[in-house]
């Protein structure tokens, strides 16, 4: 009786060890759409964008994986979020300091970039247009190089927020609101 309890206990301990080892190994594997942060500072104003970076992986991105004319989460996984410490002008329109979810509606020649008050959203599935704080349009252009992962970045001066994927780039001019 004691030996069967001992063997059962050892078996359960071994099962726990094997499953924990497998989980630890899985945690070390690179994620298909890793999280990233883009940030910029202009004077005392700080802007941070937290997003996940899907990869092209031999797929047609715009007009395929990301359909034209539909709301897109502007990345992968959770909705992209932007935090601004001061009011900003985005393509000439004012966005109050705070944290917002970001979405986009890609078209061939322009994107509508959306700043929405709902936070903690997964993707764009619960996107609610009534919670939009601001929408700005920005033209698309072709890049000189192809971007394998979706990328959000700021230019060195902090006057442009740049979104690029595949051979498409969108630039939104930004400045600190007066």
C-alpha atoms as a PDB file:
ATOM      1  CA  UNK A   1       0.000   0.000   0.000  1.00  0.00           C
ATOM      2  CA  UNK A   2       2.773   2.423   0.986  1.00  0.00           C
ATOM      3  CA  UNK A   3       4.707   1.614  -2.183  1.00  0.00           C
ATOM      4  CA  UNK A   4       1.706   2.301  -4.432  1.00  0.00           C
ATOM      5  CA  UNK A   5       1.206   5.680  -2.754  1.00  0.00           C
ATOM      6  CA  UNK A   6       4.918   6.395  -3.191  1.00  0.00           C
ATOM      7  CA  UNK A   7       4.819   5.412  -6.889  1.00  0.00           C
ATOM      8  CA  UNK A   8       1.666   7.444  -7.488  1.00  0.00           C
ATOM      9  CA  UNK A   9       3.237  10.464  -5.793  1.00  0.00           C
ATOM     10  CA  UNK A  10       6.422  10.093  -7.824  1.00  0.00           C
ATOM     11  CA  UNK A  11       4.413   9.727 -11.025  1.00  0.00           C
ATOM     12  CA  UNK A  12       2.414  12.899 -10.272  1.00  0.00           C
ATOM     13  CA  UNK A  13       5.595  14.777  -9.393  1.00  0.00           C
ATOM     14  CA  UNK A  14       7.205  13.664 -12.663  1.00  0.00           C
ATOM     15  CA  UNK A  15       4.108  14.744 -14.631  1.00  0.00           C
ATOM     16  CA  UNK A  16       4.221  18.191 -12.996  1.00  0.00           C
ATOM     17  CA  UNK A  17       7.938  18.517 -13.764  1.00  0.00           C
ATOM     18  CA  UNK A  18       7.468  17.516 -17.421  1.00  0.00           C
ATOM     19  CA  UNK A  19       4.541  19.901 -17.942  1.00  0.00           C
ATOM     20  CA  UNK A  20       6.375  22.791 -16.218  1.00  0.00           C
ATOM     21  CA  UNK A  21       9.466  22.138 -18.362  1.00  0.00           C
ATOM     22  CA  UNK A  22       7.340  22.169 -21.527  1.00  0.00           C
ATOM     23  CA  UNK A  23       5.673  25.432 -20.462  1.00  0.00           C
ATOM     24  CA  UNK A  24       9.052  27.013 -19.706  1.00  0.00           C
ATOM     25  CA  UNK A  25      10.398  25.977 -23.105  1.00  0.00           C
ATOM     26  CA  UNK A  26       7.299  27.351 -24.835  1.00  0.00           C
ATOM     27  CA  UNK A  27       7.702  30.661 -22.974  1.00  0.00           C
ATOM     28  CA  UNK A  28      11.238  30.982 -24.364  1.00  0.00           C
ATOM     29  CA  UNK A  29      10.119  30.523 -27.977  1.00  0.00           C
ATOM     30  CA  UNK A  30       9.787  33.766 -29.948  1.00  0.00           C
ATOM     31  CA  UNK A  31       6.183  34.920 -30.304  1.00  0.00           C
ATOM     32  CA  UNK A  32       4.811  35.198 -33.850  1.00  0.00           C
ATOM     33  CA  UNK A  33       3.753  38.827 -33.222  1.00  0.00           C
ATOM     34  CA  UNK A  34       5.950  40.155 -30.405  1.00  0.00           C
ATOM     35  CA  UNK A  35       5.054  43.241 -28.403  1.00  0.00           C
ATOM     36  CA  UNK A  36       7.003  46.418 -29.106  1.00  0.00           C
ATOM     37  CA  UNK A  37       7.113  50.040 -27.954  1.00  0.00           C
ATOM     38  CA  UNK A  38       7.703  53.170 -30.017  1.00  0.00           C
ATOM     39  CA  UNK A  39       8.323  56.389 -28.112  1.00  0.00           C
ATOM     40  CA  UNK A  40       9.267  60.007 -28.704  1.00  0.00           C
ATOM     41  CA  UNK A  41       9.869  63.098 -26.634  1.00  0.00           C
ATOM     42  CA  UNK A  42       9.405  66.748 -27.651  1.00  0.00           C
ATOM     43  CA  UNK A  43      10.394  69.043 -24.780  1.00  0.00           C
ATOM     44  CA  UNK A  44       8.338  67.905 -21.775  1.00  0.00           C
ATOM     45  CA  UNK A  45       5.890  65.963 -23.958  1.00  0.00           C
ATOM     46  CA  UNK A  46       6.268  62.184 -24.082  1.00  0.00           C
ATOM     47  CA  UNK A  47       4.420  59.822 -26.445  1.00  0.00           C
ATOM     48  CA  UNK A  48       4.474  56.027 -26.154  1.00  0.00           C
ATOM     49  CA  UNK A  49       2.842  53.505 -28.499  1.00  0.00           C
ATOM     50  CA  UNK A  50       2.510  49.874 -27.356  1.00  0.00           C
ATOM     51  CA  UNK A  51       1.676  47.415 -30.124  1.00  0.00           C
ATOM     52  CA  UNK A  52       2.283  43.888 -31.381  1.00  0.00           C
ATOM     53  CA  UNK A  53       4.271  43.341 -34.584  1.00  0.00           C
ATOM     54  CA  UNK A  54       2.764  40.824 -37.003  1.00  0.00           C
ATOM     55  CA  UNK A  55       5.091  39.605 -39.769  1.00  0.00           C
ATOM     56  CA  UNK A  56       4.424  39.415 -43.502  1.00  0.00           C
ATOM     57  CA  UNK A  57       5.534  35.768 -43.816  1.00  0.00           C
ATOM     58  CA  UNK A  58       5.093  35.602 -47.618  1.00  0.00           C
ATOM     59  CA  UNK A  59       1.496  36.835 -47.399  1.00  0.00           C
ATOM     60  CA  UNK A  60      -0.068  39.733 -49.256  1.00  0.00           C
ATOM     61  CA  UNK A  61      -0.640  42.230 -46.462  1.00  0.00           C
ATOM     62  CA  UNK A  62      -2.800  45.141 -47.646  1.00  0.00           C
ATOM     63  CA  UNK A  63      -5.800  44.112 -49.681  1.00  0.00           C
ATOM     64  CA  UNK A  64      -5.243  40.521 -48.452  1.00  0.00           C
ATOM     65  CA  UNK A  65      -4.418  39.811 -44.799  1.00  0.00           C
ATOM     66  CA  UNK A  66      -5.557  43.361 -43.940  1.00  0.00           C
ATOM     67  CA  UNK A  67      -8.590  44.152 -46.128  1.00  0.00           C
ATOM     68  CA  UNK A  68      -9.036  47.608 -47.586  1.00  0.00           C
ATOM     69  CA  UNK A  69     -11.917  49.678 -46.236  1.00  0.00           C
ATOM     70  CA  UNK A  70     -12.256  47.803 -42.919  1.00  0.00           C
ATOM     71  CA  UNK A  71     -11.230  48.699 -39.364  1.00  0.00           C
ATOM     72  CA  UNK A  72      -7.893  47.102 -38.455  1.00  0.00           C
ATOM     73  CA  UNK A  73      -6.356  46.837 -34.964  1.00  0.00           C
ATOM     74  CA  UNK A  74      -3.124  48.449 -36.236  1.00  0.00           C
ATOM     75  CA  UNK A  75      -0.951  45.500 -35.315  1.00  0.00           C
ATOM     76  CA  UNK A  76      -1.748  42.090 -33.860  1.00  0.00           C
ATOM     77  CA  UNK A  77      -3.283  40.672 -30.690  1.00  0.00           C
ATOM     78  CA  UNK A  78      -4.452  43.450 -28.348  1.00  0.00           C
ATOM     79  CA  UNK A  79      -5.476  46.772 -29.842  1.00  0.00           C
ATOM     80  CA  UNK A  80      -2.535  49.160 -30.160  1.00  0.00           C
ATOM     81  CA  UNK A  81      -2.489  51.807 -27.416  1.00  0.00           C
ATOM     82  CA  UNK A  82      -0.947  55.283 -27.431  1.00  0.00           C
ATOM     83  CA  UNK A  83      -0.270  57.448 -24.374  1.00  0.00           C
ATOM     84  CA  UNK A  84       0.453  61.182 -24.609  1.00  0.00           C
ATOM     85  CA  UNK A  85       1.457  63.333 -21.650  1.00  0.00           C
ATOM     86  CA  UNK A  86       0.389  66.606 -23.331  1.00  0.00           C
ATOM     87  CA  UNK A  87      -2.138  67.591 -25.985  1.00  0.00           C
ATOM     88  CA  UNK A  88      -0.848  66.922 -29.514  1.00  0.00           C
ATOM     89  CA  UNK A  89      -1.701  68.091 -32.989  1.00  0.00           C
ATOM     90  CA  UNK A  90      -1.977  65.108 -35.323  1.00  0.00           C
ATOM     91  CA  UNK A  91      -2.132  66.116 -38.968  1.00  0.00           C
ATOM     92  CA  UNK A  92      -3.466  69.486 -37.823  1.00  0.00           C
ATOM     93  CA  UNK A  93      -6.119  68.100 -35.442  1.00  0.00           C
ATOM     94  CA  UNK A  94      -5.936  68.260 -31.639  1.00  0.00           C
ATOM     95  CA  UNK A  95      -5.835  65.115 -29.483  1.00  0.00           C
ATOM     96  CA  UNK A  96      -6.034  65.657 -25.710  1.00  0.00           C
ATOM     97  CA  UNK A  97      -3.425  64.132 -23.397  1.00  0.00           C
ATOM     98  CA  UNK A  98      -4.364  60.628 -22.282  1.00  0.00           C
ATOM     99  CA  UNK A  99      -4.331  57.008 -23.402  1.00  0.00           C
ATOM    100  CA  UNK A 100      -6.229  55.750 -26.443  1.00  0.00           C
ATOM    101  CA  UNK A 101      -6.631  52.585 -28.480  1.00  0.00           C
ATOM    102  CA  UNK A 102      -5.461  53.017 -32.063  1.00  0.00           C
ATOM    103  CA  UNK A 103      -7.063  51.547 -35.151  1.00  0.00           C
ATOM    104  CA  UNK A 104      -6.800  52.228 -38.867  1.00  0.00           C
ATOM    105  CA  UNK A 105      -8.906  51.882 -41.965  1.00  0.00           C
ATOM    106  CA  UNK A 106      -6.376  51.193 -44.717  1.00  0.00           C
ATOM    107  CA  UNK A 107      -7.088  52.133 -48.332  1.00  0.00           C
ATOM    108  CA  UNK A 108      -4.707  51.931 -51.296  1.00  0.00           C
ATOM    109  CA  UNK A 109      -4.024  55.680 -51.327  1.00  0.00           C
ATOM    110  CA  UNK A 110      -4.708  56.734 -47.710  1.00  0.00           C
ATOM    111  CA  UNK A 111      -5.390  55.485 -44.198  1.00  0.00           C
ATOM    112  CA  UNK A 112      -7.813  56.784 -41.639  1.00  0.00           C
ATOM    113  CA  UNK A 113      -5.999  56.538 -38.303  1.00  0.00           C
ATOM    114  CA  UNK A 114      -8.390  56.303 -35.357  1.00  0.00           C
ATOM    115  CA  UNK A 115      -7.818  57.228 -31.696  1.00  0.00           C
ATOM    116  CA  UNK A 116     -10.510  55.606 -29.554  1.00  0.00           C
ATOM    117  CA  UNK A 117     -11.371  55.989 -25.851  1.00  0.00           C
ATOM    118  CA  UNK A 118     -12.004  52.266 -25.196  1.00  0.00           C
ATOM    119  CA  UNK A 119      -8.966  50.613 -23.612  1.00  0.00           C
ATOM    120  CA  UNK A 120      -7.917  47.012 -22.997  1.00  0.00           C
ATOM    121  CA  UNK A 121      -9.534  45.731 -26.195  1.00  0.00           C
ATOM    122  CA  UNK A 122      -8.524  42.526 -27.948  1.00  0.00           C
ATOM    123  CA  UNK A 123      -8.120  43.296 -31.631  1.00  0.00           C
ATOM    124  CA  UNK A 124     -10.859  45.337 -33.254  1.00  0.00           C
ATOM    125  CA  UNK A 125     -13.758  42.987 -32.544  1.00  0.00           C
ATOM    126  CA  UNK A 126     -15.467  45.297 -30.015  1.00  0.00           C
ATOM    127  CA  UNK A 127     -14.478  48.518 -31.773  1.00  0.00           C
ATOM    128  CA  UNK A 128     -17.121  51.189 -31.148  1.00  0.00           C
ATOM    129  CA  UNK A 129     -17.062  54.203 -33.486  1.00  0.00           C
ATOM    130  CA  UNK A 130     -19.043  56.205 -30.909  1.00  0.00           C
ATOM    131  CA  UNK A 131     -15.963  56.122 -28.630  1.00  0.00           C
ATOM    132  CA  UNK A 132     -13.659  57.712 -31.224  1.00  0.00           C
ATOM    133  CA  UNK A 133     -11.773  60.707 -29.848  1.00  0.00           C
ATOM    134  CA  UNK A 134     -10.182  61.609 -33.194  1.00  0.00           C
ATOM    135  CA  UNK A 135      -9.807  60.383 -36.775  1.00  0.00           C
ATOM    136  CA  UNK A 136      -7.054  61.663 -39.055  1.00  0.00           C
ATOM    137  CA  UNK A 137      -6.341  60.824 -42.670  1.00  0.00           C
ATOM    138  CA  UNK A 138      -2.845  60.319 -43.985  1.00  0.00           C
ATOM    139  CA  UNK A 139      -1.694  59.370 -47.485  1.00  0.00           C
ATOM    140  CA  UNK A 140       0.135  56.133 -48.202  1.00  0.00           C
ATOM    141  CA  UNK A 141       3.473  55.990 -49.981  1.00  0.00           C
ATOM    142  CA  UNK A 142       5.775  53.215 -51.133  1.00  0.00           C
ATOM    143  CA  UNK A 143       8.880  52.398 -49.109  1.00  0.00           C
ATOM    144  CA  UNK A 144      12.349  51.902 -50.554  1.00  0.00           C
ATOM    145  CA  UNK A 145      12.710  48.710 -48.542  1.00  0.00           C
ATOM    146  CA  UNK A 146      10.198  46.050 -47.561  1.00  0.00           C
ATOM    147  CA  UNK A 147       9.232  45.813 -43.889  1.00  0.00           C
ATOM    148  CA  UNK A 148       8.776  42.180 -42.815  1.00  0.00           C
ATOM    149  CA  UNK A 149       7.219  43.072 -39.433  1.00  0.00           C
ATOM    150  CA  UNK A 150       4.630  45.799 -39.012  1.00  0.00           C
ATOM    151  CA  UNK A 151       6.505  48.784 -37.580  1.00  0.00           C
ATOM    152  CA  UNK A 152       5.490  51.970 -35.787  1.00  0.00           C
ATOM    153  CA  UNK A 153       8.241  54.532 -35.245  1.00  0.00           C
ATOM    154  CA  UNK A 154       8.853  58.245 -34.842  1.00  0.00           C
ATOM    155  CA  UNK A 155      11.324  60.296 -36.855  1.00  0.00           C
ATOM    156  CA  UNK A 156      14.331  61.628 -34.978  1.00  0.00           C
ATOM    157  CA  UNK A 157      12.802  65.073 -34.426  1.00  0.00           C
ATOM    158  CA  UNK A 158       9.587  63.535 -33.057  1.00  0.00           C
ATOM    159  CA  UNK A 159       7.509  65.371 -35.649  1.00  0.00           C
ATOM    160  CA  UNK A 160       6.219  62.298 -37.524  1.00  0.00           C
ATOM    161  CA  UNK A 161       4.615  59.048 -36.456  1.00  0.00           C
ATOM    162  CA  UNK A 162       5.450  56.499 -39.147  1.00  0.00           C
ATOM    163  CA  UNK A 163       3.669  53.189 -39.734  1.00  0.00           C
ATOM    164  CA  UNK A 164       5.216  50.785 -42.233  1.00  0.00           C
ATOM    165  CA  UNK A 165       4.589  47.228 -43.369  1.00  0.00           C
ATOM    166  CA  UNK A 166       5.452  45.401 -46.551  1.00  0.00           C
ATOM    167  CA  UNK A 167       6.149  48.250 -49.000  1.00  0.00           C
ATOM    168  CA  UNK A 168       3.534  50.659 -47.614  1.00  0.00           C
ATOM    169  CA  UNK A 169       4.249  53.630 -45.363  1.00  0.00           C
ATOM    170  CA  UNK A 170       1.913  56.126 -43.694  1.00  0.00           C
ATOM    171  CA  UNK A 171       3.228  59.284 -42.028  1.00  0.00           C
ATOM    172  CA  UNK A 172       1.139  61.302 -39.566  1.00  0.00           C
ATOM    173  CA  UNK A 173       2.627  64.742 -38.796  1.00  0.00           C
ATOM    174  CA  UNK A 174       2.640  65.491 -35.051  1.00  0.00           C
ATOM    175  CA  UNK A 175       3.457  68.523 -32.927  1.00  0.00           C
ATOM    176  CA  UNK A 176       2.819  69.693 -29.391  1.00  0.00           C
ATOM    177  CA  UNK A 177      -0.432  71.641 -29.225  1.00  0.00           C
ATOM    178  CA  UNK A 178      -0.031  75.319 -28.329  1.00  0.00           C
END
